[in-house]
Amino acid sequence: TSRRTLKEAEPGSEVWIVRPGGGE
């Protein structure tokens, strides 16, 4: 979970995916 695209005042989090070797 992350708040990377949410604004400061917005509640909650979003689900993100990453590969174990890294990457965007």
mmCIF file of all heavy atoms, coordinates in Angstrom:
data_MODEL
# 
_entry.id   MODEL 
# 
loop_
_atom_site.group_PDB 
_atom_site.id 
_atom_site.type_symbol 
_atom_site.label_atom_id 
_atom_site.label_alt_id 
_atom_site.label_comp_id 
_atom_site.label_asym_id 
_atom_site.label_entity_id 
_atom_site.label_seq_id 
_atom_site.pdbx_PDB_ins_code 
_atom_site.Cartn_x 
_atom_site.Cartn_y 
_atom_site.Cartn_z 
_atom_site.occupancy 
_atom_site.B_iso_or_equiv 
_atom_site.pdbx_formal_charge 
_atom_site.auth_seq_id 
_atom_site.auth_comp_id 
_atom_site.auth_asym_id 
_atom_site.auth_atom_id 
_atom_site.pdbx_PDB_model_num 
ATOM 1   N N   . THR A 1 1  ? 0.846   -1.197  0.000   1.00 0.00 ? 1  THR A N   1 
ATOM 2   C CA  . THR A 1 1  ? 0.000   0.000   0.000   1.00 0.00 ? 1  THR A CA  1 
ATOM 3   C C   . THR A 1 1  ? 0.880   1.245   0.000   1.00 0.00 ? 1  THR A C   1 
ATOM 4   O O   . THR A 1 1  ? 2.008   1.230   0.505   1.00 0.00 ? 1  THR A O   1 
ATOM 5   C CB  . THR A 1 1  ? -0.949  0.044   1.207   1.00 0.00 ? 1  THR A CB  1 
ATOM 6   O OG1 . THR A 1 1  ? -0.177  0.099   2.398   1.00 0.00 ? 1  THR A OG1 1 
ATOM 7   C CG2 . THR A 1 1  ? -1.870  -1.156  1.220   1.00 0.00 ? 1  THR A CG2 1 
ATOM 8   N N   . SER A 1 2  ? 0.350   2.312   -0.585  1.00 0.00 ? 2  SER A N   1 
ATOM 9   C CA  . SER A 1 2  ? 1.082   3.571   -0.651  1.00 0.00 ? 2  SER A CA  1 
ATOM 10  C C   . SER A 1 2  ? 0.097   4.717   -0.890  1.00 0.00 ? 2  SER A C   1 
ATOM 11  O O   . SER A 1 2  ? -1.004  4.506   -1.378  1.00 0.00 ? 2  SER A O   1 
ATOM 12  C CB  . SER A 1 2  ? 2.107   3.533   -1.788  1.00 0.00 ? 2  SER A CB  1 
ATOM 13  O OG  . SER A 1 2  ? 2.865   4.721   -1.809  1.00 0.00 ? 2  SER A OG  1 
ATOM 14  N N   . ARG A 1 3  ? 0.554   5.906   -0.564  1.00 0.00 ? 3  ARG A N   1 
ATOM 15  C CA  . ARG A 1 3  ? -0.231  7.115   -0.830  1.00 0.00 ? 3  ARG A CA  1 
ATOM 16  C C   . ARG A 1 3  ? 0.450   7.951   -1.916  1.00 0.00 ? 3  ARG A C   1 
ATOM 17  O O   . ARG A 1 3  ? 0.216   9.141   -2.018  1.00 0.00 ? 3  ARG A O   1 
ATOM 18  C CB  . ARG A 1 3  ? -0.353  7.945   0.451   1.00 0.00 ? 3  ARG A CB  1 
ATOM 19  C CG  . ARG A 1 3  ? -1.133  7.275   1.557   1.00 0.00 ? 3  ARG A CG  1 
ATOM 20  C CD  . ARG A 1 3  ? -1.345  8.191   2.734   1.00 0.00 ? 3  ARG A CD  1 
ATOM 21  N NE  . ARG A 1 3  ? -1.691  9.553   2.396   1.00 0.00 ? 3  ARG A NE  1 
ATOM 22  C CZ  . ARG A 1 3  ? -2.910  9.961   2.039   1.00 0.00 ? 3  ARG A CZ  1 
ATOM 23  N NH1 . ARG A 1 3  ? -3.898  9.107   1.978   1.00 0.00 ? 3  ARG A NH1 1 
ATOM 24  N NH2 . ARG A 1 3  ? -3.130  11.223  1.753   1.00 0.00 ? 3  ARG A NH2 1 
ATOM 25  N N   . ARG A 1 4  ? 1.282   7.364   -2.739  1.00 0.00 ? 4  ARG A N   1 
ATOM 26  C CA  . ARG A 1 4  ? 2.131   8.131   -3.660  1.00 0.00 ? 4  ARG A CA  1 
ATOM 27  C C   . ARG A 1 4  ? 1.396   9.021   -4.640  1.00 0.00 ? 4  ARG A C   1 
ATOM 28  O O   . ARG A 1 4  ? 1.956   10.016  -5.078  1.00 0.00 ? 4  ARG A O   1 
ATOM 29  C CB  . ARG A 1 4  ? 3.125   7.231   -4.376  1.00 0.00 ? 4  ARG A CB  1 
ATOM 30  C CG  . ARG A 1 4  ? 2.531   6.079   -5.101  1.00 0.00 ? 4  ARG A CG  1 
ATOM 31  C CD  . ARG A 1 4  ? 3.580   5.141   -5.694  1.00 0.00 ? 4  ARG A CD  1 
ATOM 32  N NE  . ARG A 1 4  ? 4.355   4.542   -4.637  1.00 0.00 ? 4  ARG A NE  1 
ATOM 33  C CZ  . ARG A 1 4  ? 5.641   4.202   -4.758  1.00 0.00 ? 4  ARG A CZ  1 
ATOM 34  N NH1 . ARG A 1 4  ? 6.250   4.360   -5.883  1.00 0.00 ? 4  ARG A NH1 1 
ATOM 35  N NH2 . ARG A 1 4  ? 6.280   3.687   -3.749  1.00 0.00 ? 4  ARG A NH2 1 
ATOM 36  N N   . THR A 1 5  ? 0.177   8.720   -5.036  1.00 0.00 ? 5  THR A N   1 
ATOM 37  C CA  . THR A 1 5  ? -0.539  9.600   -5.969  1.00 0.00 ? 5  THR A CA  1 
ATOM 38  C C   . THR A 1 5  ? -1.700  10.337  -5.311  1.00 0.00 ? 5  THR A C   1 
ATOM 39  O O   . THR A 1 5  ? -2.414  11.068  -5.986  1.00 0.00 ? 5  THR A O   1 
ATOM 40  C CB  . THR A 1 5  ? -1.075  8.812   -7.183  1.00 0.00 ? 5  THR A CB  1 
ATOM 41  O OG1 . THR A 1 5  ? -2.005  7.839   -6.730  1.00 0.00 ? 5  THR A OG1 1 
ATOM 42  C CG2 . THR A 1 5  ? 0.048   8.154   -7.956  1.00 0.00 ? 5  THR A CG2 1 
ATOM 43  N N   . LEU A 1 6  ? -1.880  10.150  -4.016  1.00 0.00 ? 6  LEU A N   1 
ATOM 44  C CA  . LEU A 1 6  ? -2.966  10.836  -3.313  1.00 0.00 ? 6  LEU A CA  1 
ATOM 45  C C   . LEU A 1 6  ? -2.489  12.173  -2.764  1.00 0.00 ? 6  LEU A C   1 
ATOM 46  O O   . LEU A 1 6  ? -1.327  12.322  -2.400  1.00 0.00 ? 6  LEU A O   1 
ATOM 47  C CB  . LEU A 1 6  ? -3.484  9.972   -2.163  1.00 0.00 ? 6  LEU A CB  1 
ATOM 48  C CG  . LEU A 1 6  ? -4.091  8.625   -2.555  1.00 0.00 ? 6  LEU A CG  1 
ATOM 49  C CD1 . LEU A 1 6  ? -4.443  7.834   -1.310  1.00 0.00 ? 6  LEU A CD1 1 
ATOM 50  C CD2 . LEU A 1 6  ? -5.313  8.830   -3.424  1.00 0.00 ? 6  LEU A CD2 1 
ATOM 51  N N   . LYS A 1 7  ? -3.386  13.120  -2.701  1.00 0.00 ? 7  LYS A N   1 
ATOM 52  C CA  . LYS A 1 7  ? -3.063  14.419  -2.112  1.00 0.00 ? 7  LYS A CA  1 
ATOM 53  C C   . LYS A 1 7  ? -3.046  14.294  -0.596  1.00 0.00 ? 7  LYS A C   1 
ATOM 54  O O   . LYS A 1 7  ? -3.671  13.400  -0.020  1.00 0.00 ? 7  LYS A O   1 
ATOM 55  C CB  . LYS A 1 7  ? -4.079  15.458  -2.558  1.00 0.00 ? 7  LYS A CB  1 
ATOM 56  C CG  . LYS A 1 7  ? -4.007  15.716  -4.035  1.00 0.00 ? 7  LYS A CG  1 
ATOM 57  C CD  . LYS A 1 7  ? -5.006  16.756  -4.455  1.00 0.00 ? 7  LYS A CD  1 
ATOM 58  C CE  . LYS A 1 7  ? -4.829  16.973  -5.944  1.00 0.00 ? 7  LYS A CE  1 
ATOM 59  N NZ  . LYS A 1 7  ? -6.055  17.087  -6.650  1.00 0.00 ? 7  LYS A NZ  1 
ATOM 60  N N   . GLU A 1 8  ? -2.354  15.211  0.052   1.00 0.00 ? 8  GLU A N   1 
ATOM 61  C CA  . GLU A 1 8  ? -2.182  15.190  1.507   1.00 0.00 ? 8  GLU A CA  1 
ATOM 62  C C   . GLU A 1 8  ? -3.503  15.048  2.256   1.00 0.00 ? 8  GLU A C   1 
ATOM 63  O O   . GLU A 1 8  ? -3.609  14.305  3.219   1.00 0.00 ? 8  GLU A O   1 
ATOM 64  C CB  . GLU A 1 8  ? -1.461  16.471  1.945   1.00 0.00 ? 8  GLU A CB  1 
ATOM 65  C CG  . GLU A 1 8  ? -1.087  16.512  3.388   1.00 0.00 ? 8  GLU A CG  1 
ATOM 66  C CD  . GLU A 1 8  ? 0.283   15.939  3.669   1.00 0.00 ? 8  GLU A CD  1 
ATOM 67  O OE1 . GLU A 1 8  ? 1.098   15.820  2.750   1.00 0.00 ? 8  GLU A OE1 1 
ATOM 68  O OE2 . GLU A 1 8  ? 0.519   15.607  4.828   1.00 0.00 ? 8  GLU A OE2 1 
ATOM 69  N N   . ALA A 1 9  ? -4.543  15.741  1.816   1.00 0.00 ? 9  ALA A N   1 
ATOM 70  C CA  . ALA A 1 9  ? -5.826  15.746  2.535   1.00 0.00 ? 9  ALA A CA  1 
ATOM 71  C C   . ALA A 1 9  ? -6.703  14.538  2.215   1.00 0.00 ? 9  ALA A C   1 
ATOM 72  O O   . ALA A 1 9  ? -7.679  14.289  2.900   1.00 0.00 ? 9  ALA A O   1 
ATOM 73  C CB  . ALA A 1 9  ? -6.587  17.025  2.221   1.00 0.00 ? 9  ALA A CB  1 
ATOM 74  N N   . GLU A 1 10 ? -6.364  13.774  1.168   1.00 0.00 ? 10 GLU A N   1 
ATOM 75  C CA  . GLU A 1 10 ? -7.184  12.624  0.793   1.00 0.00 ? 10 GLU A CA  1 
ATOM 76  C C   . GLU A 1 10 ? -6.934  11.453  1.742   1.00 0.00 ? 10 GLU A C   1 
ATOM 77  O O   . GLU A 1 10 ? -5.793  11.131  2.043   1.00 0.00 ? 10 GLU A O   1 
ATOM 78  C CB  . GLU A 1 10 ? -6.863  12.183  -0.640  1.00 0.00 ? 10 GLU A CB  1 
ATOM 79  C CG  . GLU A 1 10 ? -7.358  13.114  -1.700  1.00 0.00 ? 10 GLU A CG  1 
ATOM 80  C CD  . GLU A 1 10 ? -7.053  12.594  -3.079  1.00 0.00 ? 10 GLU A CD  1 
ATOM 81  O OE1 . GLU A 1 10 ? -5.879  12.646  -3.483  1.00 0.00 ? 10 GLU A OE1 1 
ATOM 82  O OE2 . GLU A 1 10 ? -7.988  12.141  -3.760  1.00 0.00 ? 10 GLU A OE2 1 
ATOM 83  N N   . PRO A 1 11 ? -8.000  10.801  2.200   1.00 0.00 ? 11 PRO A N   1 
ATOM 84  C CA  . PRO A 1 11 ? -7.826  9.651   3.095   1.00 0.00 ? 11 PRO A CA  1 
ATOM 85  C C   . PRO A 1 11 ? -7.453  8.385   2.317   1.00 0.00 ? 11 PRO A C   1 
ATOM 86  O O   . PRO A 1 11 ? -7.658  8.315   1.105   1.00 0.00 ? 11 PRO A O   1 
ATOM 87  C CB  . PRO A 1 11 ? -9.200  9.512   3.734   1.00 0.00 ? 11 PRO A CB  1 
ATOM 88  C CG  . PRO A 1 11 ? -10.139 10.021  2.702   1.00 0.00 ? 11 PRO A CG  1 
ATOM 89  C CD  . PRO A 1 11 ? -9.400  11.135  1.997   1.00 0.00 ? 11 PRO A CD  1 
ATOM 90  N N   . GLY A 1 12 ? -6.929  7.398   3.026   1.00 0.00 ? 12 GLY A N   1 
ATOM 91  C CA  . GLY A 1 12 ? -6.715  6.074   2.452   1.00 0.00 ? 12 GLY A CA  1 
ATOM 92  C C   . GLY A 1 12 ? -5.375  5.865   1.787   1.00 0.00 ? 12 GLY A C   1 
ATOM 93  O O   . GLY A 1 12 ? -4.484  6.707   1.840   1.00 0.00 ? 12 GLY A O   1 
ATOM 94  N N   . SER A 1 13 ? -5.265  4.709   1.156   1.00 0.00 ? 13 SER A N   1 
ATOM 95  C CA  . SER A 1 13 ? -4.066  4.293   0.437   1.00 0.00 ? 13 SER A CA  1 
ATOM 96  C C   . SER A 1 13 ? -4.481  3.566   -0.826  1.00 0.00 ? 13 SER A C   1 
ATOM 97  O O   . SER A 1 13 ? -5.637  3.194   -0.992  1.00 0.00 ? 13 SER A O   1 
ATOM 98  C CB  . SER A 1 13 ? -3.223  3.341   1.295   1.00 0.00 ? 13 SER A CB  1 
ATOM 99  O OG  . SER A 1 13 ? -2.736  3.988   2.429   1.00 0.00 ? 13 SER A OG  1 
ATOM 100 N N   . GLU A 1 14 ? -3.521  3.326   -1.693  1.00 0.00 ? 14 GLU A N   1 
ATOM 101 C CA  . GLU A 1 14 ? -3.744  2.582   -2.926  1.00 0.00 ? 14 GLU A CA  1 
ATOM 102 C C   . GLU A 1 14 ? -2.867  1.333   -2.898  1.00 0.00 ? 14 GLU A C   1 
ATOM 103 O O   . GLU A 1 14 ? -1.859  1.299   -2.203  1.00 0.00 ? 14 GLU A O   1 
ATOM 104 C CB  . GLU A 1 14 ? -3.342  3.418   -4.140  1.00 0.00 ? 14 GLU A CB  1 
ATOM 105 C CG  . GLU A 1 14 ? -4.072  4.730   -4.240  1.00 0.00 ? 14 GLU A CG  1 
ATOM 106 C CD  . GLU A 1 14 ? -3.442  5.642   -5.275  1.00 0.00 ? 14 GLU A CD  1 
ATOM 107 O OE1 . GLU A 1 14 ? -2.229  5.860   -5.218  1.00 0.00 ? 14 GLU A OE1 1 
ATOM 108 O OE2 . GLU A 1 14 ? -4.188  6.128   -6.128  1.00 0.00 ? 14 GLU A OE2 1 
ATOM 109 N N   . VAL A 1 15 ? -3.235  0.322   -3.681  1.00 0.00 ? 15 VAL A N   1 
ATOM 110 C CA  . VAL A 1 15 ? -2.412  -0.881  -3.794  1.00 0.00 ? 15 VAL A CA  1 
ATOM 111 C C   . VAL A 1 15 ? -1.504  -0.725  -5.004  1.00 0.00 ? 15 VAL A C   1 
ATOM 112 O O   . VAL A 1 15 ? -1.950  -0.355  -6.091  1.00 0.00 ? 15 VAL A O   1 
ATOM 113 C CB  . VAL A 1 15 ? -3.288  -2.145  -3.941  1.00 0.00 ? 15 VAL A CB  1 
ATOM 114 C CG1 . VAL A 1 15 ? -2.415  -3.374  -4.164  1.00 0.00 ? 15 VAL A CG1 1 
ATOM 115 C CG2 . VAL A 1 15 ? -4.153  -2.326  -2.701  1.00 0.00 ? 15 VAL A CG2 1 
ATOM 116 N N   . TRP A 1 16 ? -0.222  -1.012  -4.792  1.00 0.00 ? 16 TRP A N   1 
ATOM 117 C CA  . TRP A 1 16 ? 0.797   -0.944  -5.837  1.00 0.00 ? 16 TRP A CA  1 
ATOM 118 C C   . TRP A 1 16 ? 1.485   -2.304  -5.942  1.00 0.00 ? 16 TRP A C   1 
ATOM 119 O O   . TRP A 1 16 ? 1.455   -3.092  -5.004  1.00 0.00 ? 16 TRP A O   1 
ATOM 120 C CB  . TRP A 1 16 ? 1.829   0.137   -5.506  1.00 0.00 ? 16 TRP A CB  1 
ATOM 121 C CG  . TRP A 1 16 ? 1.272   1.513   -5.638  1.00 0.00 ? 16 TRP A CG  1 
ATOM 122 C CD1 . TRP A 1 16 ? 0.439   2.156   -4.771  1.00 0.00 ? 16 TRP A CD1 1 
ATOM 123 C CD2 . TRP A 1 16 ? 1.504   2.410   -6.712  1.00 0.00 ? 16 TRP A CD2 1 
ATOM 124 N NE1 . TRP A 1 16 ? 0.135   3.411   -5.248  1.00 0.00 ? 16 TRP A NE1 1 
ATOM 125 C CE2 . TRP A 1 16 ? 0.779   3.592   -6.434  1.00 0.00 ? 16 TRP A CE2 1 
ATOM 126 C CE3 . TRP A 1 16 ? 2.250   2.346   -7.877  1.00 0.00 ? 16 TRP A CE3 1 
ATOM 127 C CZ2 . TRP A 1 16 ? 0.781   4.682   -7.293  1.00 0.00 ? 16 TRP A CZ2 1 
ATOM 128 C CZ3 . TRP A 1 16 ? 2.257   3.443   -8.725  1.00 0.00 ? 16 TRP A CZ3 1 
ATOM 129 C CH2 . TRP A 1 16 ? 1.523   4.591   -8.430  1.00 0.00 ? 16 TRP A CH2 1 
ATOM 130 N N   . ILE A 1 17 ? 2.145   -2.545  -7.080  1.00 0.00 ? 17 ILE A N   1 
ATOM 131 C CA  . ILE A 1 17 ? 2.852   -3.800  -7.325  1.00 0.00 ? 17 ILE A CA  1 
ATOM 132 C C   . ILE A 1 17 ? 4.287   -3.482  -7.721  1.00 0.00 ? 17 ILE A C   1 
ATOM 133 O O   . ILE A 1 17 ? 4.546   -2.539  -8.459  1.00 0.00 ? 17 ILE A O   1 
ATOM 134 C CB  . ILE A 1 17 ? 2.193   -4.597  -8.491  1.00 0.00 ? 17 ILE A CB  1 
ATOM 135 C CG1 . ILE A 1 17 ? 0.705   -4.805  -8.252  1.00 0.00 ? 17 ILE A CG1 1 
ATOM 136 C CG2 . ILE A 1 17 ? 2.922   -5.910  -8.727  1.00 0.00 ? 17 ILE A CG2 1 
ATOM 137 C CD1 . ILE A 1 17 ? 0.364   -5.738  -7.130  1.00 0.00 ? 17 ILE A CD1 1 
ATOM 138 N N   . VAL A 1 18 ? 5.225   -4.301  -7.234  1.00 0.00 ? 18 VAL A N   1 
ATOM 139 C CA  . VAL A 1 18 ? 6.634   -4.169  -7.618  1.00 0.00 ? 18 VAL A CA  1 
ATOM 140 C C   . VAL A 1 18 ? 7.220   -5.571  -7.763  1.00 0.00 ? 18 VAL A C   1 
ATOM 141 O O   . VAL A 1 18 ? 6.763   -6.513  -7.110  1.00 0.00 ? 18 VAL A O   1 
ATOM 142 C CB  . VAL A 1 18 ? 7.425   -3.325  -6.576  1.00 0.00 ? 18 VAL A CB  1 
ATOM 143 C CG1 . VAL A 1 18 ? 7.561   -4.057  -5.254  1.00 0.00 ? 18 VAL A CG1 1 
ATOM 144 C CG2 . VAL A 1 18 ? 8.781   -2.910  -7.114  1.00 0.00 ? 18 VAL A CG2 1 
ATOM 145 N N   . ARG A 1 19 ? 8.213   -5.708  -8.603  1.00 0.00 ? 19 ARG A N   1 
ATOM 146 C CA  . ARG A 1 19 ? 8.908   -6.994  -8.746  1.00 0.00 ? 19 ARG A CA  1 
ATOM 147 C C   . ARG A 1 19 ? 9.961   -7.120  -7.634  1.00 0.00 ? 19 ARG A C   1 
ATOM 148 O O   . ARG A 1 19 ? 10.550  -6.118  -7.232  1.00 0.00 ? 19 ARG A O   1 
ATOM 149 C CB  . ARG A 1 19 ? 9.573   -7.087  -10.110 1.00 0.00 ? 19 ARG A CB  1 
ATOM 150 C CG  . ARG A 1 19 ? 8.576   -7.060  -11.244 1.00 0.00 ? 19 ARG A CG  1 
ATOM 151 C CD  . ARG A 1 19 ? 9.243   -7.350  -12.591 1.00 0.00 ? 19 ARG A CD  1 
ATOM 152 N NE  . ARG A 1 19 ? 8.339   -7.052  -13.681 1.00 0.00 ? 19 ARG A NE  1 
ATOM 153 C CZ  . ARG A 1 19 ? 7.315   -7.804  -14.049 1.00 0.00 ? 19 ARG A CZ  1 
ATOM 154 N NH1 . ARG A 1 19 ? 7.062   -8.900  -13.401 1.00 0.00 ? 19 ARG A NH1 1 
ATOM 155 N NH2 . ARG A 1 19 ? 6.555   -7.450  -15.068 1.00 0.00 ? 19 ARG A NH2 1 
ATOM 156 N N   . PRO A 1 20 ? 10.219  -8.325  -7.155  1.00 0.00 ? 20 PRO A N   1 
ATOM 157 C CA  . PRO A 1 20 ? 11.204  -8.502  -6.071  1.00 0.00 ? 20 PRO A CA  1 
ATOM 158 C C   . PRO A 1 20 ? 12.605  -8.026  -6.428  1.00 0.00 ? 20 PRO A C   1 
ATOM 159 O O   . PRO A 1 20 ? 13.368  -7.662  -5.543  1.00 0.00 ? 20 PRO A O   1 
ATOM 160 C CB  . PRO A 1 20 ? 11.204  -10.013 -5.826  1.00 0.00 ? 20 PRO A CB  1 
ATOM 161 C CG  . PRO A 1 20 ? 9.936   -10.510 -6.401  1.00 0.00 ? 20 PRO A CG  1 
ATOM 162 C CD  . PRO A 1 20 ? 9.554   -9.567  -7.504  1.00 0.00 ? 20 PRO A CD  1 
ATOM 163 N N   . GLY A 1 21 ? 12.928  -7.984  -7.708  1.00 0.00 ? 21 GLY A N   1 
ATOM 164 C CA  . GLY A 1 21 ? 14.239  -7.505  -8.129  1.00 0.00 ? 21 GLY A CA  1 
ATOM 165 C C   . GLY A 1 21 ? 14.319  -5.997  -8.222  1.00 0.00 ? 21 GLY A C   1 
ATOM 166 O O   . GLY A 1 21 ? 15.364  -5.434  -8.497  1.00 0.00 ? 21 GLY A O   1 
ATOM 167 N N   . GLY A 1 22 ? 13.191  -5.318  -7.973  1.00 0.00 ? 22 GLY A N   1 
ATOM 168 C CA  . GLY A 1 22 ? 13.152  -3.864  -8.046  1.00 0.00 ? 22 GLY A CA  1 
ATOM 169 C C   . GLY A 1 22 ? 12.510  -3.386  -9.338  1.00 0.00 ? 22 GLY A C   1 
ATOM 170 O O   . GLY A 1 22 ? 11.930  -4.156  -10.084 1.00 0.00 ? 22 GLY A O   1 
ATOM 171 N N   . GLY A 1 23 ? 12.614  -2.116  -9.573  1.00 0.00 ? 23 GLY A N   1 
ATOM 172 C CA  . GLY A 1 23 ? 11.989  -1.497  -10.736 1.00 0.00 ? 23 GLY A CA  1 
ATOM 173 C C   . GLY A 1 23 ? 10.905  -0.543  -10.299 1.00 0.00 ? 23 GLY A C   1 
ATOM 174 O O   . GLY A 1 23 ? 10.619  -0.398  -9.111  1.00 0.00 ? 23 GLY A O   1 
ATOM 175 N N   . GLU A 1 24 ? 10.277  0.090   -11.267 1.00 0.00 ? 24 GLU A N   1 
ATOM 176 C CA  . GLU A 1 24 ? 9.244   1.074   -10.973 1.00 0.00 ? 24 GLU A CA  1 
ATOM 177 C C   . GLU A 1 24 ? 7.935   0.380   -10.602 1.00 0.00 ? 24 GLU A C   1 
ATOM 178 O O   . GLU A 1 24 ? 7.438   -0.443  -11.359 1.00 0.00 ? 24 GLU A O   1 
ATOM 179 C CB  . GLU A 1 24 ? 9.030   1.975   -12.189 1.00 0.00 ? 24 GLU A CB  1 
ATOM 180 C CG  . GLU A 1 24 ? 8.145   3.160   -11.943 1.00 0.00 ? 24 GLU A CG  1 
ATOM 181 C CD  . GLU A 1 24 ? 8.729   4.134   -10.928 1.00 0.00 ? 24 GLU A CD  1 
ATOM 182 O OE1 . GLU A 1 24 ? 9.949   4.267   -10.841 1.00 0.00 ? 24 GLU A OE1 1 
ATOM 183 O OE2 . GLU A 1 24 ? 7.928   4.766   -10.219 1.00 0.00 ? 24 GLU A OE2 1 
# 
